[in-house]
Amino acid sequence: GVGAASDSADHQRNHRMRTETKAAKTLCIIMGCFCLCWAPFFVTNVVDPFIDYTVPEQLWTACLWLGYINT
């Protein structure tokens, strides 16, 4: 009857919500890792001119490759 149709609709809605929640969590993890891996490069890139370009080349290379590895 009507109750069975309502239960089925609720089940489909709950399943869709779980799927969308899982997709959102996955996207957050991926974007978070991307941002964390590129953040050192961009912070170094912005800060370096203010400290008279004294960042060692090895640090530049490490920050850049951390971003490349994630991409």
PDB file of N, CA and C in Angstrom:
ATOM      1  N   GLY A   1       0.795  -1.178   0.000  1.00  0.00           N
ATOM      2  CA  GLY A   1       0.000   0.000   0.000  1.00  0.00           C
ATOM      3  C   GLY A   1       0.849   1.258   0.000  1.00  0.00           C
ATOM      4  N   VAL A   2       0.282   2.276   0.559  1.00  0.00           N
ATOM      5  CA  VAL A   2       0.918   3.595   0.586  1.00  0.00           C
ATOM      6  C   VAL A   2       2.172   3.573   1.455  1.00  0.00           C
ATOM      7  N   GLY A   3       2.133   2.819   2.544  1.00  0.00           N
ATOM      8  CA  GLY A   3       3.290   2.738   3.437  1.00  0.00           C
ATOM      9  C   GLY A   3       4.508   2.149   2.762  1.00  0.00           C
ATOM     10  N   ALA A   4       4.308   1.123   1.936  1.00  0.00           N
ATOM     11  CA  ALA A   4       5.425   0.483   1.235  1.00  0.00           C
ATOM     12  C   ALA A   4       6.062   1.445   0.240  1.00  0.00           C
ATOM     13  N   ALA A   5       5.240   2.224  -0.456  1.00  0.00           N
ATOM     14  CA  ALA A   5       5.770   3.201  -1.419  1.00  0.00           C
ATOM     15  C   ALA A   5       6.557   4.280  -0.696  1.00  0.00           C
ATOM     16  N   SER A   6       6.055   4.691   0.458  1.00  0.00           N
ATOM     17  CA  SER A   6       6.734   5.715   1.251  1.00  0.00           C
ATOM     18  C   SER A   6       8.072   5.194   1.768  1.00  0.00           C
ATOM     19  N   ASP A   7       8.087   3.929   2.239  1.00  0.00           N
ATOM     20  CA  ASP A   7       9.328   3.318   2.718  1.00  0.00           C
ATOM     21  C   ASP A   7      10.352   3.219   1.597  1.00  0.00           C
ATOM     22  N   SER A   8       9.900   2.865   0.411  1.00  0.00           N
ATOM     23  CA  SER A   8      10.794   2.744  -0.737  1.00  0.00           C
ATOM     24  C   SER A   8      11.391   4.103  -1.102  1.00  0.00           C
ATOM     25  N   ALA A   9      10.563   5.136  -1.079  1.00  0.00           N
ATOM     26  CA  ALA A   9      11.044   6.488  -1.388  1.00  0.00           C
ATOM     27  C   ALA A   9      12.050   6.947  -0.337  1.00  0.00           C
ATOM     28  N   ASP A  10      11.762   6.648   0.932  1.00  0.00           N
ATOM     29  CA  ASP A  10      12.701   7.000   2.004  1.00  0.00           C
ATOM     30  C   ASP A  10      14.021   6.263   1.832  1.00  0.00           C
ATOM     31  N   HIS A  11      13.936   4.998   1.474  1.00  0.00           N
ATOM     32  CA  HIS A  11      15.146   4.202   1.273  1.00  0.00           C
ATOM     33  C   HIS A  11      15.988   4.786   0.137  1.00  0.00           C
ATOM     34  N   GLN A  12      15.339   5.137  -0.970  1.00  0.00           N
ATOM     35  CA  GLN A  12      16.066   5.716  -2.104  1.00  0.00           C
ATOM     36  C   GLN A  12      16.695   7.054  -1.719  1.00  0.00           C
ATOM     37  N   ARG A  13      15.962   7.865  -0.977  1.00  0.00           N
ATOM     38  CA  ARG A  13      16.462   9.164  -0.539  1.00  0.00           C
ATOM     39  C   ARG A  13      17.672   8.985   0.384  1.00  0.00           C
ATOM     40  N   ASN A  14      17.570   8.035   1.320  1.00  0.00           N
ATOM     41  CA  ASN A  14      18.680   7.772   2.239  1.00  0.00           C
ATOM     42  C   ASN A  14      19.900   7.252   1.492  1.00  0.00           C
ATOM     43  N   HIS A  15      19.673   6.376   0.529  1.00  0.00           N
ATOM     44  CA  HIS A  15      20.784   5.831  -0.257  1.00  0.00           C
ATOM     45  C   HIS A  15      21.474   6.944  -1.045  1.00  0.00           C
ATOM     46  N   ARG A  16      20.685   7.816  -1.661  1.00  0.00           N
ATOM     47  CA  ARG A  16      21.239   8.928  -2.433  1.00  0.00           C
ATOM     48  C   ARG A  16      22.029   9.866  -1.511  1.00  0.00           C
ATOM     49  N   MET A  17      21.499  10.123  -0.318  1.00  0.00           N
ATOM     50  CA  MET A  17      22.168  11.004   0.635  1.00  0.00           C
ATOM     51  C   MET A  17      23.502  10.408   1.077  1.00  0.00           C
ATOM     52  N   ARG A  18      23.516   9.094   1.340  1.00  0.00           N
ATOM     53  CA  ARG A  18      24.775   8.433   1.724  1.00  0.00           C
ATOM     54  C   ARG A  18      25.788   8.505   0.601  1.00  0.00           C
ATOM     55  N   THR A  19      25.337   8.287  -0.632  1.00  0.00           N
ATOM     56  CA  THR A  19      26.230   8.334  -1.786  1.00  0.00           C
ATOM     57  C   THR A  19      26.807   9.734  -1.963  1.00  0.00           C
ATOM     58  N   GLU A  20      25.965  10.753  -1.839  1.00  0.00           N
ATOM     59  CA  GLU A  20      26.432  12.131  -1.993  1.00  0.00           C
ATOM     60  C   GLU A  20      27.363  12.533  -0.859  1.00  0.00           C
ATOM     61  N   THR A  21      27.084  12.060   0.352  1.00  0.00           N
ATOM     62  CA  THR A  21      27.958  12.349   1.488  1.00  0.00           C
ATOM     63  C   THR A  21      29.326  11.713   1.283  1.00  0.00           C
ATOM     64  N   LYS A  22      29.338  10.474   0.815  1.00  0.00           N
ATOM     65  CA  LYS A  22      30.604   9.789   0.550  1.00  0.00           C
ATOM     66  C   LYS A  22      31.387  10.520  -0.542  1.00  0.00           C
ATOM     67  N   ALA A  23      30.704  10.962  -1.590  1.00  0.00           N
ATOM     68  CA  ALA A  23      31.362  11.700  -2.670  1.00  0.00           C
ATOM     69  C   ALA A  23      31.928  13.020  -2.152  1.00  0.00           C
ATOM     70  N   ALA A  24      31.192  13.702  -1.296  1.00  0.00           N
ATOM     71  CA  ALA A  24      31.658  14.970  -0.733  1.00  0.00           C
ATOM     72  C   ALA A  24      32.889  14.762   0.140  1.00  0.00           C
ATOM     73  N   LYS A  25      32.890  13.702   0.956  1.00  0.00           N
ATOM     74  CA  LYS A  25      34.055  13.400   1.795  1.00  0.00           C
ATOM     75  C   LYS A  25      35.273  13.093   0.936  1.00  0.00           C
ATOM     76  N   THR A  26      35.074  12.305  -0.111  1.00  0.00           N
ATOM     77  CA  THR A  26      36.177  11.960  -1.010  1.00  0.00           C
ATOM     78  C   THR A  26      36.741  13.211  -1.666  1.00  0.00           C
ATOM     79  N   LEU A  27      35.871  14.079  -2.134  1.00  0.00           N
ATOM     80  CA  LEU A  27      36.313  15.315  -2.766  1.00  0.00           C
ATOM     81  C   LEU A  27      37.066  16.196  -1.778  1.00  0.00           C
ATOM     82  N   CYS A  28      36.593  16.269  -0.545  1.00  0.00           N
ATOM     83  CA  CYS A  28      37.286  17.054   0.486  1.00  0.00           C
ATOM     84  C   CYS A  28      38.679  16.506   0.753  1.00  0.00           C
ATOM     85  N   ILE A  29      38.813  15.199   0.811  1.00  0.00           N
ATOM     86  CA  ILE A  29      40.125  14.588   1.041  1.00  0.00           C
ATOM     87  C   ILE A  29      41.064  14.900  -0.119  1.00  0.00           C
ATOM     88  N   ILE A  30      40.575  14.751  -1.343  1.00  0.00           N
ATOM     89  CA  ILE A  30      41.408  15.006  -2.518  1.00  0.00           C
ATOM     90  C   ILE A  30      41.826  16.473  -2.574  1.00  0.00           C
ATOM     91  N   MET A  31      40.876  17.381  -2.397  1.00  0.00           N
ATOM     92  CA  MET A  31      41.192  18.813  -2.456  1.00  0.00           C
ATOM     93  C   MET A  31      42.087  19.224  -1.288  1.00  0.00           C
ATOM     94  N   GLY A  32      41.857  18.645  -0.120  1.00  0.00           N
ATOM     95  CA  GLY A  32      42.697  18.948   1.036  1.00  0.00           C
ATOM     96  C   GLY A  32      44.137  18.534   0.819  1.00  0.00           C
ATOM     97  N   CYS A  33      44.336  17.331   0.290  1.00  0.00           N
ATOM     98  CA  CYS A  33      45.696  16.866  -0.006  1.00  0.00           C
ATOM     99  C   CYS A  33      46.356  17.744  -1.058  1.00  0.00           C
ATOM    100  N   PHE A  34      45.609  18.113  -2.077  1.00  0.00           N
ATOM    101  CA  PHE A  34      46.140  18.984  -3.129  1.00  0.00           C
ATOM    102  C   PHE A  34      46.596  20.315  -2.533  1.00  0.00           C
ATOM    103  N   CYS A  35      45.744  20.926  -1.723  1.00  0.00           N
ATOM    104  CA  CYS A  35      46.088  22.222  -1.122  1.00  0.00           C
ATOM    105  C   CYS A  35      47.264  22.109  -0.160  1.00  0.00           C
ATOM    106  N   LEU A  36      47.287  21.055   0.648  1.00  0.00           N
ATOM    107  CA  LEU A  36      48.392  20.878   1.589  1.00  0.00           C
ATOM    108  C   LEU A  36      49.723  20.651   0.884  1.00  0.00           C
ATOM    109  N   CYS A  37      49.688  19.951  -0.234  1.00  0.00           N
ATOM    110  CA  CYS A  37      50.933  19.679  -0.951  1.00  0.00           C
ATOM    111  C   CYS A  37      51.448  20.901  -1.698  1.00  0.00           C
ATOM    112  N   TRP A  38      50.569  21.751  -2.178  1.00  0.00           N
ATOM    113  CA  TRP A  38      51.008  22.947  -2.905  1.00  0.00           C
ATOM    114  C   TRP A  38      51.221  24.146  -1.987  1.00  0.00           C
ATOM    115  N   ALA A  39      50.672  24.146  -0.783  1.00  0.00           N
ATOM    116  CA  ALA A  39      50.782  25.296   0.125  1.00  0.00           C
ATOM    117  C   ALA A  39      52.227  25.702   0.413  1.00  0.00           C
ATOM    118  N   PRO A  40      53.144  24.761   0.699  1.00  0.00           N
ATOM    119  CA  PRO A  40      54.520  25.196   0.975  1.00  0.00           C
ATOM    120  C   PRO A  40      55.146  25.975  -0.187  1.00  0.00           C
ATOM    121  N   PHE A  41      54.886  25.545  -1.405  1.00  0.00           N
ATOM    122  CA  PHE A  41      55.436  26.249  -2.565  1.00  0.00           C
ATOM    123  C   PHE A  41      54.890  27.671  -2.646  1.00  0.00           C
ATOM    124  N   PHE A  42      53.571  27.814  -2.516  1.00  0.00           N
ATOM    125  CA  PHE A  42      52.983  29.142  -2.659  1.00  0.00           C
ATOM    126  C   PHE A  42      53.346  30.057  -1.494  1.00  0.00           C
ATOM    127  N   VAL A  43      53.434  29.521  -0.291  1.00  0.00           N
ATOM    128  CA  VAL A  43      53.862  30.336   0.852  1.00  0.00           C
ATOM    129  C   VAL A  43      55.301  30.796   0.642  1.00  0.00           C
ATOM    130  N   THR A  44      56.163  29.886   0.224  1.00  0.00           N
ATOM    131  CA  THR A  44      57.559  30.236  -0.042  1.00  0.00           C
ATOM    132  C   THR A  44      57.642  31.275  -1.152  1.00  0.00           C
ATOM    133  N   ASN A  45      56.847  31.105  -2.170  1.00  0.00           N
ATOM    134  CA  ASN A  45      56.838  32.023  -3.308  1.00  0.00           C
ATOM    135  C   ASN A  45      56.436  33.437  -2.890  1.00  0.00           C
ATOM    136  N   VAL A  46      55.510  33.557  -1.960  1.00  0.00           N
ATOM    137  CA  VAL A  46      55.056  34.869  -1.498  1.00  0.00           C
ATOM    138  C   VAL A  46      56.025  35.467  -0.483  1.00  0.00           C
ATOM    139  N   VAL A  47      56.563  34.643   0.404  1.00  0.00           N
ATOM    140  CA  VAL A  47      57.413  35.139   1.486  1.00  0.00           C
ATOM    141  C   VAL A  47      58.823  35.488   1.002  1.00  0.00           C
ATOM    142  N   ASP A  48      59.351  34.755   0.060  1.00  0.00           N
ATOM    143  CA  ASP A  48      60.746  34.915  -0.371  1.00  0.00           C
ATOM    144  C   ASP A  48      61.124  36.356  -0.724  1.00  0.00           C
ATOM    145  N   PRO A  49      60.337  37.106  -1.473  1.00  0.00           N
ATOM    146  CA  PRO A  49      60.733  38.491  -1.771  1.00  0.00           C
ATOM    147  C   PRO A  49      60.841  39.371  -0.525  1.00  0.00           C
ATOM    148  N   PHE A  50      60.056  39.071   0.497  1.00  0.00           N
ATOM    149  CA  PHE A  50      60.088  39.882   1.713  1.00  0.00           C
ATOM    150  C   PHE A  50      61.300  39.577   2.588  1.00  0.00           C
ATOM    151  N   ILE A  51      61.943  38.454   2.356  1.00  0.00           N
ATOM    152  CA  ILE A  51      63.150  38.118   3.131  1.00  0.00           C
ATOM    153  C   ILE A  51      64.381  38.146   2.227  1.00  0.00           C
ATOM    154  N   ASP A  52      64.341  39.047   1.241  1.00  0.00           N
ATOM    155  CA  ASP A  52      65.467  39.296   0.323  1.00  0.00           C
ATOM    156  C   ASP A  52      65.930  38.046  -0.411  1.00  0.00           C
ATOM    157  N   TYR A  53      65.008  37.228  -0.826  1.00  0.00           N
ATOM    158  CA  TYR A  53      65.304  36.043  -1.650  1.00  0.00           C
ATOM    159  C   TYR A  53      66.389  35.161  -1.019  1.00  0.00           C
ATOM    160  N   THR A  54      66.192  34.855   0.250  1.00  0.00           N
ATOM    161  CA  THR A  54      67.187  34.052   0.970  1.00  0.00           C
ATOM    162  C   THR A  54      66.772  32.594   1.153  1.00  0.00           C
ATOM    163  N   VAL A  55      65.676  32.184   0.554  1.00  0.00           N
ATOM    164  CA  VAL A  55      65.241  30.784   0.670  1.00  0.00           C
ATOM    165  C   VAL A  55      66.217  29.913  -0.118  1.00  0.00           C
ATOM    166  N   PRO A  56      66.788  28.893   0.519  1.00  0.00           N
ATOM    167  CA  PRO A  56      67.750  28.027  -0.176  1.00  0.00           C
ATOM    168  C   PRO A  56      67.111  27.302  -1.365  1.00  0.00           C
ATOM    169  N   GLU A  57      67.908  27.067  -2.383  1.00  0.00           N
ATOM    170  CA  GLU A  57      67.391  26.418  -3.589  1.00  0.00           C
ATOM    171  C   GLU A  57      66.867  25.016  -3.300  1.00  0.00           C
ATOM    172  N   GLN A  58      67.486  24.310  -2.346  1.00  0.00           N
ATOM    173  CA  GLN A  58      67.017  22.967  -2.001  1.00  0.00           C
ATOM    174  C   GLN A  58      65.589  23.014  -1.449  1.00  0.00           C
ATOM    175  N   LEU A  59      65.288  24.046  -0.663  1.00  0.00           N
ATOM    176  CA  LEU A  59      63.931  24.188  -0.126  1.00  0.00           C
ATOM    177  C   LEU A  59      62.943  24.496  -1.249  1.00  0.00           C
ATOM    178  N   TRP A  60      63.341  25.370  -2.181  1.00  0.00           N
ATOM    179  CA  TRP A  60      62.501  25.657  -3.347  1.00  0.00           C
ATOM    180  C   TRP A  60      62.189  24.369  -4.103  1.00  0.00           C
ATOM    181  N   THR A  61      63.241  23.608  -4.359  1.00  0.00           N
ATOM    182  CA  THR A  61      63.082  22.369  -5.121  1.00  0.00           C
ATOM    183  C   THR A  61      62.187  21.382  -4.379  1.00  0.00           C
ATOM    184  N   ALA A  62      62.389  21.248  -3.075  1.00  0.00           N
ATOM    185  CA  ALA A  62      61.567  20.325  -2.280  1.00  0.00           C
ATOM    186  C   ALA A  62      60.094  20.746  -2.301  1.00  0.00           C
ATOM    187  N   CYS A  63      59.836  22.033  -2.136  1.00  0.00           N
ATOM    188  CA  CYS A  63      58.443  22.523  -2.152  1.00  0.00           C
ATOM    189  C   CYS A  63      57.805  22.308  -3.517  1.00  0.00           C
ATOM    190  N   LEU A  64      58.566  22.565  -4.558  1.00  0.00           N
ATOM    191  CA  LEU A  64      58.039  22.397  -5.912  1.00  0.00           C
ATOM    192  C   LEU A  64      57.735  20.934  -6.204  1.00  0.00           C
ATOM    193  N   TRP A  65      58.654  20.050  -5.840  1.00  0.00           N
ATOM    194  CA  TRP A  65      58.441  18.628  -6.114  1.00  0.00           C
ATOM    195  C   TRP A  65      57.336  18.027  -5.257  1.00  0.00           C
ATOM    196  N   LEU A  66      57.134  18.566  -4.055  1.00  0.00           N
ATOM    197  CA  LEU A  66      56.004  18.111  -3.238  1.00  0.00           C
ATOM    198  C   LEU A  66      54.693  18.379  -3.978  1.00  0.00           C
ATOM    199  N   GLY A  67      54.601  19.541  -4.596  1.00  0.00           N
ATOM    200  CA  GLY A  67      53.415  19.853  -5.392  1.00  0.00           C
ATOM    201  C   GLY A  67      53.311  18.987  -6.628  1.00  0.00           C
ATOM    202  N   TYR A  68      54.441  18.804  -7.334  1.00  0.00           N
ATOM    203  CA  TYR A  68      54.436  17.980  -8.549  1.00  0.00           C
ATOM    204  C   TYR A  68      54.017  16.542  -8.251  1.00  0.00           C
ATOM    205  N   ILE A  69      54.532  15.994  -7.160  1.00  0.00           N
ATOM    206  CA  ILE A  69      54.228  14.601  -6.804  1.00  0.00           C
ATOM    207  C   ILE A  69      52.725  14.433  -6.573  1.00  0.00           C
ATOM    208  N   ASN A  70      52.105  15.433  -5.957  1.00  0.00           N
ATOM    209  CA  ASN A  70      50.670  15.348  -5.688  1.00  0.00           C
ATOM    210  C   ASN A  70      49.838  15.501  -6.953  1.00  0.00           C
ATOM    211  N   THR A  71      50.343  16.248  -7.896  1.00  0.00           N
ATOM    212  CA  THR A  71      49.591  16.478  -9.131  1.00  0.00           C
ATOM    213  C   THR A  71      49.723  15.270 -10.013  1.00  0.00           C
TER     214      THR A  71
END
